[in-house]
Amino acid sequence: MFSWVVWAAVELTPAPLARRFGALLIDWLLCLLIAGAIADPVREPWIAPGILVVEYALFLGFFGQTVGMKLMRIRVVSIVTGGVIGVPRALLRGIVLLPLVTALILDRQQRGLHDKAAGSIVVPTEPTPQ
């Protein structure tokens, strides 16, 4: 109930699902490329997911966007303030996102379990038409 009140007060519109999954796909492909440059991802399969979590922690924590999110014109913001979520919450969001099923379980605000854990929401970067 409280998050709904905050939602209404901040007036955040969730980003379309296609953009969100497109951004995740771009970020994952970049992580696979980086992991392939560091080591053999087949022999050490934890490298690419580890890079994804670090990317989320740093890029979302400081800038509110990963490379994929920048290309898809979306960003992650705090559901309470509308600002960046900071490194600890971005790290938590990245870790909870790893099983990917958390991104598929959405509430009516289109927030996945990883967003709920971090107190965040994915929004478009361009203004929404009024």
Protein backbone atom coordinates (compact mmCIF):
# COMPACT_ATOMS: atom_id res chain seq x y z
CA MET A 1 0.00 0.00 0.00
CA PHE A 2 2.79 2.43 0.91
CA SER A 3 4.60 1.90 -2.41
CA TRP A 4 1.39 2.66 -4.29
CA VAL A 5 1.07 5.99 -2.46
CA VAL A 6 4.69 6.84 -3.25
CA TRP A 7 4.13 5.68 -6.83
CA ALA A 8 1.21 8.10 -7.18
CA ALA A 9 3.16 10.94 -5.55
CA VAL A 10 6.24 10.61 -7.77
CA GLU A 11 4.19 9.76 -10.91
CA LEU A 12 6.65 7.36 -12.50
CA THR A 13 5.60 5.56 -15.67
CA PRO A 14 7.19 2.13 -16.20
CA ALA A 15 9.25 1.52 -19.33
CA PRO A 16 7.85 -0.86 -21.95
CA LEU A 17 8.80 -4.51 -21.44
CA ALA A 18 10.31 -4.81 -24.92
CA ARG A 19 12.83 -2.07 -24.14
CA ARG A 20 13.66 -3.62 -20.78
CA PHE A 21 14.34 -7.05 -22.22
CA GLY A 22 16.22 -5.50 -25.16
CA ALA A 23 18.50 -3.68 -22.72
CA LEU A 24 19.08 -6.87 -20.75
CA LEU A 25 19.96 -8.73 -23.94
CA ILE A 26 22.46 -6.04 -24.98
CA ASP A 27 24.05 -6.00 -21.52
CA TRP A 28 24.26 -9.80 -21.45
CA LEU A 29 25.91 -9.93 -24.88
CA LEU A 30 28.44 -7.30 -23.80
CA CYS A 31 29.18 -9.30 -20.65
CA LEU A 32 29.71 -12.44 -22.75
CA LEU A 33 32.13 -10.55 -25.00
CA ILE A 34 34.08 -9.21 -22.02
CA ALA A 35 34.08 -12.62 -20.33
CA GLY A 36 35.36 -14.20 -23.56
CA ALA A 37 38.23 -11.72 -23.64
CA ILE A 38 39.19 -12.51 -20.03
CA ALA A 39 38.76 -16.27 -19.97
CA ASP A 40 36.87 -19.14 -21.58
CA PRO A 41 33.22 -18.68 -20.46
CA VAL A 42 32.53 -22.37 -21.13
CA ARG A 43 35.22 -23.48 -18.68
CA GLU A 44 34.46 -20.71 -16.17
CA PRO A 45 30.72 -20.01 -16.54
CA TRP A 46 30.53 -17.70 -13.49
CA ILE A 47 32.53 -14.93 -15.19
CA ALA A 48 29.78 -13.48 -17.41
CA PRO A 49 27.12 -13.37 -14.65
CA GLY A 50 29.72 -11.87 -12.30
CA ILE A 51 30.50 -9.16 -14.83
CA LEU A 52 26.78 -8.46 -15.22
CA VAL A 53 26.35 -8.00 -11.46
CA VAL A 54 29.39 -5.69 -11.28
CA GLU A 55 28.13 -3.74 -14.31
CA TYR A 56 24.74 -3.30 -12.68
CA ALA A 57 26.25 -2.30 -9.34
CA LEU A 58 28.50 0.38 -10.83
CA PHE A 59 26.50 1.71 -13.76
CA LEU A 60 23.08 1.67 -12.07
CA GLY A 61 24.54 2.78 -8.75
CA PHE A 62 26.26 5.85 -10.16
CA PHE A 63 24.50 6.68 -13.44
CA GLY A 64 21.11 4.93 -13.31
CA GLN A 65 21.76 3.23 -16.68
CA THR A 66 23.77 0.40 -18.13
CA VAL A 67 25.03 0.49 -21.72
CA GLY A 68 22.01 -1.52 -22.88
CA MET A 69 19.63 0.76 -21.01
CA LYS A 70 21.25 3.83 -22.56
CA LEU A 71 20.76 2.36 -26.05
CA MET A 72 17.14 1.42 -25.28
CA ARG A 73 16.43 4.83 -23.69
CA ILE A 74 15.44 3.59 -20.23
CA ARG A 75 16.85 4.05 -16.74
CA VAL A 76 16.49 2.66 -13.23
CA VAL A 77 15.37 5.09 -10.53
CA SER A 78 14.35 4.92 -6.90
CA ILE A 79 10.61 4.40 -6.47
CA VAL A 80 10.68 6.91 -3.58
CA THR A 81 12.88 9.75 -4.85
CA GLY A 82 13.11 9.23 -8.61
CA GLY A 83 16.92 9.49 -8.38
CA VAL A 84 19.73 6.96 -8.72
CA ILE A 85 19.54 3.98 -6.36
CA GLY A 86 23.19 3.85 -5.27
CA VAL A 87 25.72 1.03 -5.46
CA PRO A 88 24.46 -1.20 -2.58
CA ARG A 89 20.87 -1.29 -3.89
CA ALA A 90 22.08 -1.71 -7.48
CA LEU A 91 24.26 -4.64 -6.37
CA LEU A 92 21.28 -6.22 -4.62
CA ARG A 93 19.17 -5.67 -7.75
CA GLY A 94 21.80 -7.35 -9.93
CA ILE A 95 22.13 -10.37 -7.64
CA VAL A 96 18.37 -10.89 -7.39
CA LEU A 97 18.09 -10.54 -11.19
CA LEU A 98 20.57 -13.38 -11.86
CA PRO A 99 17.98 -16.20 -11.89
CA LEU A 100 16.08 -14.13 -14.55
CA VAL A 101 12.77 -15.55 -13.38
CA THR A 102 12.61 -12.57 -11.03
CA ALA A 103 12.32 -10.32 -14.09
CA LEU A 104 9.30 -12.28 -15.30
CA ILE A 105 7.29 -12.02 -12.08
CA LEU A 106 5.77 -8.54 -12.34
CA ASP A 107 3.28 -6.67 -10.22
CA ARG A 108 0.69 -4.24 -11.56
CA GLN A 109 3.32 -1.48 -11.58
CA GLN A 110 5.46 -3.70 -13.88
CA ARG A 111 8.14 -4.04 -11.21
CA GLY A 112 9.96 -7.36 -10.99
CA LEU A 113 11.11 -8.97 -7.78
CA HIS A 114 14.58 -7.49 -8.34
CA ASP A 115 13.02 -4.00 -8.53
CA LYS A 116 10.98 -4.60 -5.39
CA ALA A 117 14.08 -5.79 -3.49
CA ALA A 118 16.03 -2.69 -4.52
CA GLY A 119 13.13 -0.24 -4.23
CA SER A 120 13.53 0.72 -7.89
CA ILE A 121 11.55 1.02 -11.09
CA VAL A 122 12.60 1.09 -14.76
CA VAL A 123 11.34 4.18 -16.56
CA PRO A 124 11.79 5.67 -20.05
CA THR A 125 14.37 8.45 -20.32
CA GLU A 126 12.31 10.57 -22.69
CA PRO A 127 9.32 12.42 -21.28
CA THR A 128 5.99 10.67 -21.57
CA PRO A 129 3.32 12.45 -23.64
CA GLN A 130 0.62 14.11 -21.56
